[in-house]
């Protein structure tokens, strides 16, 4: 049985995501470090997968450590493209050019 997530933790993660500027991306690990949970990148991903239940957040601005977008979420690429995020290929953003410097 899965663990129930603390709502304070959920909102802490989402508040960091909310700060990612348009045209930039952050990684799951980067967000985990910003909340003081260096080893919890997967937790960040889990929270983002449920974000629609907590309001509207720019979750499309979060990618994995290699810049890969969420598999199967076609809208993510379109949203990032509209914000001017540069891509390396069809599945990866160019982290060197667009990673949030926080």
C-alpha atoms as a PDB file:
ATOM      1  CA  UNK A   1       0.000   0.000   0.000  1.00  0.00           C
ATOM      2  CA  UNK A   2       1.342   3.459  -0.901  1.00  0.00           C
ATOM      3  CA  UNK A   3       2.260   6.125   1.592  1.00  0.00           C
ATOM      4  CA  UNK A   4       0.016   9.101   2.088  1.00  0.00           C
ATOM      5  CA  UNK A   5       1.837  12.328   1.300  1.00  0.00           C
ATOM      6  CA  UNK A   6       1.804  15.241   3.722  1.00  0.00           C
ATOM      7  CA  UNK A   7      -0.097  18.174   2.209  1.00  0.00           C
ATOM      8  CA  UNK A   8       2.498  20.621   3.551  1.00  0.00           C
ATOM      9  CA  UNK A   9       5.159  18.747   1.582  1.00  0.00           C
ATOM     10  CA  UNK A  10       2.981  18.730  -1.521  1.00  0.00           C
ATOM     11  CA  UNK A  11       2.481  22.490  -1.353  1.00  0.00           C
ATOM     12  CA  UNK A  12       6.174  23.029  -0.613  1.00  0.00           C
ATOM     13  CA  UNK A  13       7.072  21.231  -3.839  1.00  0.00           C
ATOM     14  CA  UNK A  14       4.374  22.989  -5.843  1.00  0.00           C
ATOM     15  CA  UNK A  15       5.429  26.395  -4.519  1.00  0.00           C
ATOM     16  CA  UNK A  16       8.942  25.797  -5.878  1.00  0.00           C
ATOM     17  CA  UNK A  17       7.519  24.699  -9.239  1.00  0.00           C
ATOM     18  CA  UNK A  18       5.452  27.875  -9.302  1.00  0.00           C
ATOM     19  CA  UNK A  19       8.680  29.917  -9.131  1.00  0.00           C
ATOM     20  CA  UNK A  20      10.238  28.425 -12.287  1.00  0.00           C
ATOM     21  CA  UNK A  21      10.312  31.313 -14.776  1.00  0.00           C
ATOM     22  CA  UNK A  22       8.688  31.064 -18.182  1.00  0.00           C
ATOM     23  CA  UNK A  23      11.203  29.853 -20.749  1.00  0.00           C
ATOM     24  CA  UNK A  24      13.191  27.885 -18.153  1.00  0.00           C
ATOM     25  CA  UNK A  25      13.033  24.343 -16.829  1.00  0.00           C
ATOM     26  CA  UNK A  26      14.093  22.654 -13.593  1.00  0.00           C
ATOM     27  CA  UNK A  27      14.851  19.013 -12.895  1.00  0.00           C
ATOM     28  CA  UNK A  28      13.113  16.784 -10.378  1.00  0.00           C
ATOM     29  CA  UNK A  29      16.390  16.514  -8.459  1.00  0.00           C
ATOM     30  CA  UNK A  30      16.879  20.265  -8.472  1.00  0.00           C
ATOM     31  CA  UNK A  31      13.466  20.760  -6.889  1.00  0.00           C
ATOM     32  CA  UNK A  32      14.196  18.027  -4.335  1.00  0.00           C
ATOM     33  CA  UNK A  33      17.421  19.818  -3.356  1.00  0.00           C
ATOM     34  CA  UNK A  34      15.616  23.147  -3.049  1.00  0.00           C
ATOM     35  CA  UNK A  35      13.221  21.684  -0.472  1.00  0.00           C
ATOM     36  CA  UNK A  36      16.038  19.997   1.453  1.00  0.00           C
ATOM     37  CA  UNK A  37      15.302  16.453   0.284  1.00  0.00           C
ATOM     38  CA  UNK A  38      18.253  15.752  -1.984  1.00  0.00           C
ATOM     39  CA  UNK A  39      17.445  12.077  -2.531  1.00  0.00           C
ATOM     40  CA  UNK A  40      13.739  12.506  -3.270  1.00  0.00           C
ATOM     41  CA  UNK A  41      13.524  13.330  -6.978  1.00  0.00           C
ATOM     42  CA  UNK A  42      10.960  10.550  -7.455  1.00  0.00           C
ATOM     43  CA  UNK A  43       8.829  12.058  -4.717  1.00  0.00           C
ATOM     44  CA  UNK A  44       8.802  15.313  -6.669  1.00  0.00           C
ATOM     45  CA  UNK A  45       7.638  13.422  -9.760  1.00  0.00           C
ATOM     46  CA  UNK A  46       4.879  11.730  -7.776  1.00  0.00           C
ATOM     47  CA  UNK A  47       3.636  15.059  -6.429  1.00  0.00           C
ATOM     48  CA  UNK A  48       3.677  16.632  -9.891  1.00  0.00           C
ATOM     49  CA  UNK A  49       1.642  13.739 -11.271  1.00  0.00           C
ATOM     50  CA  UNK A  50      -1.098  14.696  -8.779  1.00  0.00           C
ATOM     51  CA  UNK A  51      -0.764  18.476  -9.082  1.00  0.00           C
ATOM     52  CA  UNK A  52      -4.068  18.940 -10.892  1.00  0.00           C
ATOM     53  CA  UNK A  53      -5.846  18.183  -7.595  1.00  0.00           C
ATOM     54  CA  UNK A  54      -4.117  21.153  -5.913  1.00  0.00           C
ATOM     55  CA  UNK A  55      -4.473  23.930  -8.482  1.00  0.00           C
ATOM     56  CA  UNK A  56      -2.732  25.070 -11.624  1.00  0.00           C
ATOM     57  CA  UNK A  57       1.054  24.889 -11.626  1.00  0.00           C
ATOM     58  CA  UNK A  58       3.605  25.036 -14.472  1.00  0.00           C
ATOM     59  CA  UNK A  59       4.568  21.369 -14.084  1.00  0.00           C
ATOM     60  CA  UNK A  60       5.472  21.272 -17.766  1.00  0.00           C
ATOM     61  CA  UNK A  61       8.654  23.154 -16.773  1.00  0.00           C
ATOM     62  CA  UNK A  62      10.040  20.124 -14.921  1.00  0.00           C
ATOM     63  CA  UNK A  63      12.156  17.501 -16.708  1.00  0.00           C
ATOM     64  CA  UNK A  64      14.504  14.719 -15.663  1.00  0.00           C
ATOM     65  CA  UNK A  65      18.260  15.107 -15.055  1.00  0.00           C
ATOM     66  CA  UNK A  66      19.020  14.581 -18.757  1.00  0.00           C
ATOM     67  CA  UNK A  67      16.409  17.090 -19.932  1.00  0.00           C
ATOM     68  CA  UNK A  68      13.966  14.379 -21.009  1.00  0.00           C
ATOM     69  CA  UNK A  69      10.319  15.329 -21.013  1.00  0.00           C
ATOM     70  CA  UNK A  70       7.579  13.138 -19.556  1.00  0.00           C
ATOM     71  CA  UNK A  71       6.982  10.161 -21.870  1.00  0.00           C
ATOM     72  CA  UNK A  72       3.463  10.153 -23.274  1.00  0.00           C
ATOM     73  CA  UNK A  73       2.668  13.767 -22.319  1.00  0.00           C
ATOM     74  CA  UNK A  74       2.656  15.384 -25.750  1.00  0.00           C
ATOM     75  CA  UNK A  75       1.323  18.705 -24.479  1.00  0.00           C
ATOM     76  CA  UNK A  76       4.502  19.280 -22.439  1.00  0.00           C
ATOM     77  CA  UNK A  77       6.615  19.813 -25.553  1.00  0.00           C
ATOM     78  CA  UNK A  78       4.066  22.198 -27.053  1.00  0.00           C
ATOM     79  CA  UNK A  79       3.869  24.260 -23.853  1.00  0.00           C
ATOM     80  CA  UNK A  80       7.664  24.490 -23.576  1.00  0.00           C
ATOM     81  CA  UNK A  81       8.025  25.314 -27.272  1.00  0.00           C
ATOM     82  CA  UNK A  82       5.542  28.199 -26.908  1.00  0.00           C
ATOM     83  CA  UNK A  83       7.665  29.553 -24.040  1.00  0.00           C
ATOM     84  CA  UNK A  84      10.789  29.506 -26.198  1.00  0.00           C
ATOM     85  CA  UNK A  85      12.543  26.612 -24.451  1.00  0.00           C
ATOM     86  CA  UNK A  86      15.318  25.230 -26.714  1.00  0.00           C
ATOM     87  CA  UNK A  87      15.355  21.508 -27.537  1.00  0.00           C
ATOM     88  CA  UNK A  88      18.209  19.087 -28.244  1.00  0.00           C
ATOM     89  CA  UNK A  89      15.887  16.613 -29.985  1.00  0.00           C
ATOM     90  CA  UNK A  90      12.239  15.512 -29.957  1.00  0.00           C
ATOM     91  CA  UNK A  91      12.417  14.217 -26.399  1.00  0.00           C
ATOM     92  CA  UNK A  92      14.940  16.448 -24.580  1.00  0.00           C
ATOM     93  CA  UNK A  93      15.230  20.115 -23.753  1.00  0.00           C
ATOM     94  CA  UNK A  94      18.665  21.742 -23.901  1.00  0.00           C
ATOM     95  CA  UNK A  95      19.427  22.032 -20.189  1.00  0.00           C
ATOM     96  CA  UNK A  96      22.642  23.958 -20.829  1.00  0.00           C
ATOM     97  CA  UNK A  97      20.604  26.752 -22.372  1.00  0.00           C
ATOM     98  CA  UNK A  98      17.414  26.761 -20.329  1.00  0.00           C
ATOM     99  CA  UNK A  99      17.923  25.272 -16.865  1.00  0.00           C
ATOM    100  CA  UNK A 100      16.625  27.521 -14.111  1.00  0.00           C
ATOM    101  CA  UNK A 101      19.505  29.160 -12.280  1.00  0.00           C
ATOM    102  CA  UNK A 102      18.081  29.339  -8.780  1.00  0.00           C
END
